[in-house]
C-alpha atoms as a PDB file:
ATOM      1  CA  TYR A   1      84.275 106.558  72.754  1.00  0.00           C
ATOM      2  CA  GLU A   2      81.046 105.887  70.930  1.00  0.00           C
ATOM      3  CA  LEU A   3      80.722 109.514  69.837  1.00  0.00           C
ATOM      4  CA  ASN A   4      84.248 109.506  68.437  1.00  0.00           C
ATOM      5  CA  THR A   5      83.545 106.303  66.516  1.00  0.00           C
ATOM      6  CA  PHE A   6      80.235 107.694  65.253  1.00  0.00           C
ATOM      7  CA  ALA A   7      81.878 110.979  64.182  1.00  0.00           C
ATOM      8  CA  GLY A   8      84.594 109.032  62.365  1.00  0.00           C
ATOM      9  CA  GLY A   9      81.973 106.982  60.558  1.00  0.00           C
ATOM     10  CA  LEU A  10      80.108 110.110  59.501  1.00  0.00           C
ATOM     11  CA  ASP A  11      83.347 111.679  58.261  1.00  0.00           C
ATOM     12  CA  ALA A  12      83.981 108.541  56.218  1.00  0.00           C
ATOM     13  CA  VAL A  13      80.525 108.841  54.655  1.00  0.00           C
ATOM     14  CA  LEU A  14      81.162 112.479  53.797  1.00  0.00           C
ATOM     15  CA  ALA A  15      84.468 111.448  52.187  1.00  0.00           C
ATOM     16  CA  ILE A  16      82.578 109.414  49.578  1.00  0.00           C
ATOM     17  CA  PRO A  17      83.382 110.967  46.184  1.00  0.00           C
ATOM     18  CA  GLY A  18      80.700 113.514  45.383  1.00  0.00           C
ATOM     19  CA  ALA A  19      79.226 113.632  48.896  1.00  0.00           C
ATOM     20  CA  SER A  20      80.783 116.999  49.698  1.00  0.00           C
ATOM     21  CA  GLU A  21      79.052 118.571  46.681  1.00  0.00           C
ATOM     22  CA  LEU A  22      75.588 117.543  47.850  1.00  0.00           C
ATOM     23  CA  THR A  23      73.410 120.328  49.192  1.00  0.00           C
ATOM     24  CA  GLY A  24      69.965 120.669  50.649  1.00  0.00           C
ATOM     25  CA  GLU A  25      67.680 117.681  50.893  1.00  0.00           C
ATOM     26  CA  SER A  26      70.041 115.198  49.205  1.00  0.00           C
ATOM     27  CA  ALA A  27      72.806 116.003  51.735  1.00  0.00           C
ATOM     28  CA  VAL A  28      70.383 115.528  54.615  1.00  0.00           C
ATOM     29  CA  ILE A  29      69.137 112.218  53.168  1.00  0.00           C
ATOM     30  CA  LEU A  30      72.714 110.944  52.831  1.00  0.00           C
ATOM     31  CA  ARG A  31      73.678 111.923  56.373  1.00  0.00           C
ATOM     32  CA  VAL A  32      70.498 110.771  58.094  1.00  0.00           C
ATOM     33  CA  GLY A  33      70.224 107.640  55.959  1.00  0.00           C
ATOM     34  CA  THR A  34      73.747 106.476  56.707  1.00  0.00           C
ATOM     35  CA  CYS A  35      73.310 107.266  60.410  1.00  0.00           C
ATOM     36  CA  LEU A  36      70.117 105.205  60.501  1.00  0.00           C
ATOM     37  CA  ALA A  37      71.728 102.350  58.555  1.00  0.00           C
ATOM     38  CA  TYR A  38      74.675 102.366  60.960  1.00  0.00           C
ATOM     39  CA  ALA A  39      72.314 102.365  63.937  1.00  0.00           C
ATOM     40  CA  VAL A  40      70.226  99.498  62.513  1.00  0.00           C
ATOM     41  CA  VAL A  41      73.338  97.349  61.962  1.00  0.00           C
ATOM     42  CA  VAL A  42      74.553  97.949  65.513  1.00  0.00           C
ATOM     43  CA  LEU A  43      71.123  97.351  67.084  1.00  0.00           C
ATOM     44  CA  VAL A  44      70.549  94.141  65.113  1.00  0.00           C
ATOM     45  CA  LEU A  45      73.939  92.798  66.162  1.00  0.00           C
ATOM     46  CA  LEU A  46      73.242  93.703  69.792  1.00  0.00           C
ATOM     47  CA  TRP A  47      69.711  92.258  69.651  1.00  0.00           C
ATOM     48  CA  PHE A  48      71.012  88.891  68.481  1.00  0.00           C
ATOM     49  CA  ASP A  49      73.820  89.033  71.064  1.00  0.00           C
ATOM     50  CA  LYS A  50      76.488  89.223  68.399  1.00  0.00           C
ATOM     51  CA  THR A  51      78.791  91.637  70.191  1.00  0.00           C
ATOM     52  CA  GLU A  52      81.789  89.599  69.043  1.00  0.00           C
ATOM     53  CA  THR A  53      80.651  90.065  65.442  1.00  0.00           C
ATOM     54  CA  LEU A  54      80.242  93.779  66.105  1.00  0.00           C
ATOM     55  CA  GLY A  55      83.793  93.938  67.474  1.00  0.00           C
ATOM     56  CA  ILE A  56      85.140  92.097  64.437  1.00  0.00           C
ATOM     57  CA  PHE A  57      83.169  94.391  62.120  1.00  0.00           C
ATOM     58  CA  LEU A  58      84.520  97.509  63.834  1.00  0.00           C
ATOM     59  CA  GLY A  59      88.045  96.064  63.776  1.00  0.00           C
ATOM     60  CA  LEU A  60      87.829  95.363  60.044  1.00  0.00           C
ATOM     61  CA  THR A  61      86.488  98.871  59.498  1.00  0.00           C
ATOM     62  CA  MET A  62      89.418 100.328  61.426  1.00  0.00           C
ATOM     63  CA  MET A  63      91.929  98.245  59.442  1.00  0.00           C
ATOM     64  CA  GLY A  64      90.306  99.488  56.241  1.00  0.00           C
ATOM     65  CA  MET A  65      90.634 103.078  57.421  1.00  0.00           C
ATOM     66  CA  VAL A  66      94.324 102.546  58.221  1.00  0.00           C
ATOM     67  CA  GLY A  67      94.863 100.962  54.806  1.00  0.00           C
ATOM     68  CA  LEU A  68      93.099 103.840  53.080  1.00  0.00           C
ATOM     69  CA  PHE A  69      95.208 106.320  55.043  1.00  0.00           C
ATOM     70  CA  LEU A  70      98.395 104.562  53.925  1.00  0.00           C
ATOM     71  CA  VAL A  71      97.245 104.586  50.289  1.00  0.00           C
ATOM     72  CA  VAL A  72      96.522 108.324  50.452  1.00  0.00           C
ATOM     73  CA  VAL A  73      99.893 109.035  52.078  1.00  0.00           C
ATOM     74  CA  ALA A  74     101.681 106.933  49.442  1.00  0.00           C
ATOM     75  CA  LYS A  75      99.796 108.569  46.536  1.00  0.00           C
ATOM     76  CA  MET A  76     100.655 112.040  47.826  1.00  0.00           C
ATOM     77  CA  ASN A  77     104.358 111.123  48.191  1.00  0.00           C
ATOM     78  CA  LEU A  78     104.322 112.200  51.832  1.00  0.00           C
ATOM     79  CA  LEU A  79     106.270 109.196  53.020  1.00  0.00           C
ATOM     80  CA  THR A  80     109.417 107.527  51.731  1.00  0.00           C
ATOM     81  CA  PRO A  81     110.316 103.924  52.628  1.00  0.00           C
ATOM     82  CA  GLU A  82     113.155 105.238  54.820  1.00  0.00           C
ATOM     83  CA  SER A  83     110.918 107.651  56.743  1.00  0.00           C
ATOM     84  CA  PHE A  84     108.299 104.897  57.132  1.00  0.00           C
ATOM     85  CA  ALA A  85     110.900 102.567  58.670  1.00  0.00           C
ATOM     86  CA  ILE A  86     112.023 105.330  61.031  1.00  0.00           C
ATOM     87  CA  SER A  87     108.406 106.044  61.986  1.00  0.00           C
ATOM     88  CA  LEU A  88     108.072 102.511  63.374  1.00  0.00           C
ATOM     89  CA  ILE A  89     110.572 103.378  66.124  1.00  0.00           C
ATOM     90  CA  PRO A  90     108.662 104.726  69.152  1.00  0.00           C
ATOM     91  CA  ASN A  91     109.492 108.298  70.105  1.00  0.00           C
ATOM     92  CA  ILE A  92     107.975 111.311  71.828  1.00  0.00           C
ATOM     93  CA  PRO A  93     107.821 114.384  69.585  1.00  0.00           C
ATOM     94  CA  PRO A  94     109.029 117.760  70.883  1.00  0.00           C
ATOM     95  CA  LYS A  95     106.441 120.158  72.321  1.00  0.00           C
ATOM     96  CA  ALA A  96     105.399 123.017  70.065  1.00  0.00           C
ATOM     97  CA  VAL A  97     105.479 126.524  71.510  1.00  0.00           C
ATOM     98  CA  ASN A  98     101.694 126.892  71.792  1.00  0.00           C
ATOM     99  CA  GLY A  99     100.854 123.191  71.498  1.00  0.00           C
ATOM    100  CA  ALA A 100      99.641 120.565  73.901  1.00  0.00           C
ATOM    101  CA  GLU A 101     102.018 118.237  75.679  1.00  0.00           C
ATOM    102  CA  PRO A 102     102.951 115.354  73.355  1.00  0.00           C
ATOM    103  CA  THR A 103     102.107 112.816  76.046  1.00  0.00           C
ATOM    104  CA  ASP A 104      98.583 114.273  76.346  1.00  0.00           C
ATOM    105  CA  LEU A 105      98.106 113.932  72.605  1.00  0.00           C
ATOM    106  CA  ILE A 106      99.398 110.366  72.639  1.00  0.00           C
ATOM    107  CA  LEU A 107      97.110 109.368  75.504  1.00  0.00           C
ATOM    108  CA  SER A 108      94.063 110.953  73.866  1.00  0.00           C
ATOM    109  CA  LEU A 109      94.778 109.207  70.557  1.00  0.00           C
ATOM    110  CA  VAL A 110      95.244 105.846  72.251  1.00  0.00           C
ATOM    111  CA  GLY A 111      92.101 106.379  74.319  1.00  0.00           C
ATOM    112  CA  THR A 112      89.917 107.265  71.373  1.00  0.00           C
ATOM    113  CA  THR A 113      91.174 104.462  69.138  1.00  0.00           C
ATOM    114  CA  ALA A 114      91.019 101.801  71.851  1.00  0.00           C
ATOM    115  CA  VAL A 115      87.491 100.935  70.732  1.00  0.00           C
ATOM    116  CA  GLY A 116      88.851  99.114  67.673  1.00  0.00           C
END
């Protein structure tokens, strides 16, 4: 779970406007610097026994990511109000010809996002 969370955090850093254009030393400094900053925040919270604060921080981060995702989907006109309402009804999608079982995908998504 920690690796998935860490990879998601690094992807978020690389999504910063202009970060994808960085090359060479500046790209390395951005990646390593944000990884070290992330590690320092987590270690400080653990050192002071603030695991509840860490959980709240990660939860707020996850809510921000969901909000950002919804903004992007709305800006790209990928979702109408009607299709959004229908998407709130639980369902199991059909299996694609060469795809994984939908239940396997659902379980893996729930397992990897359970950290938040």
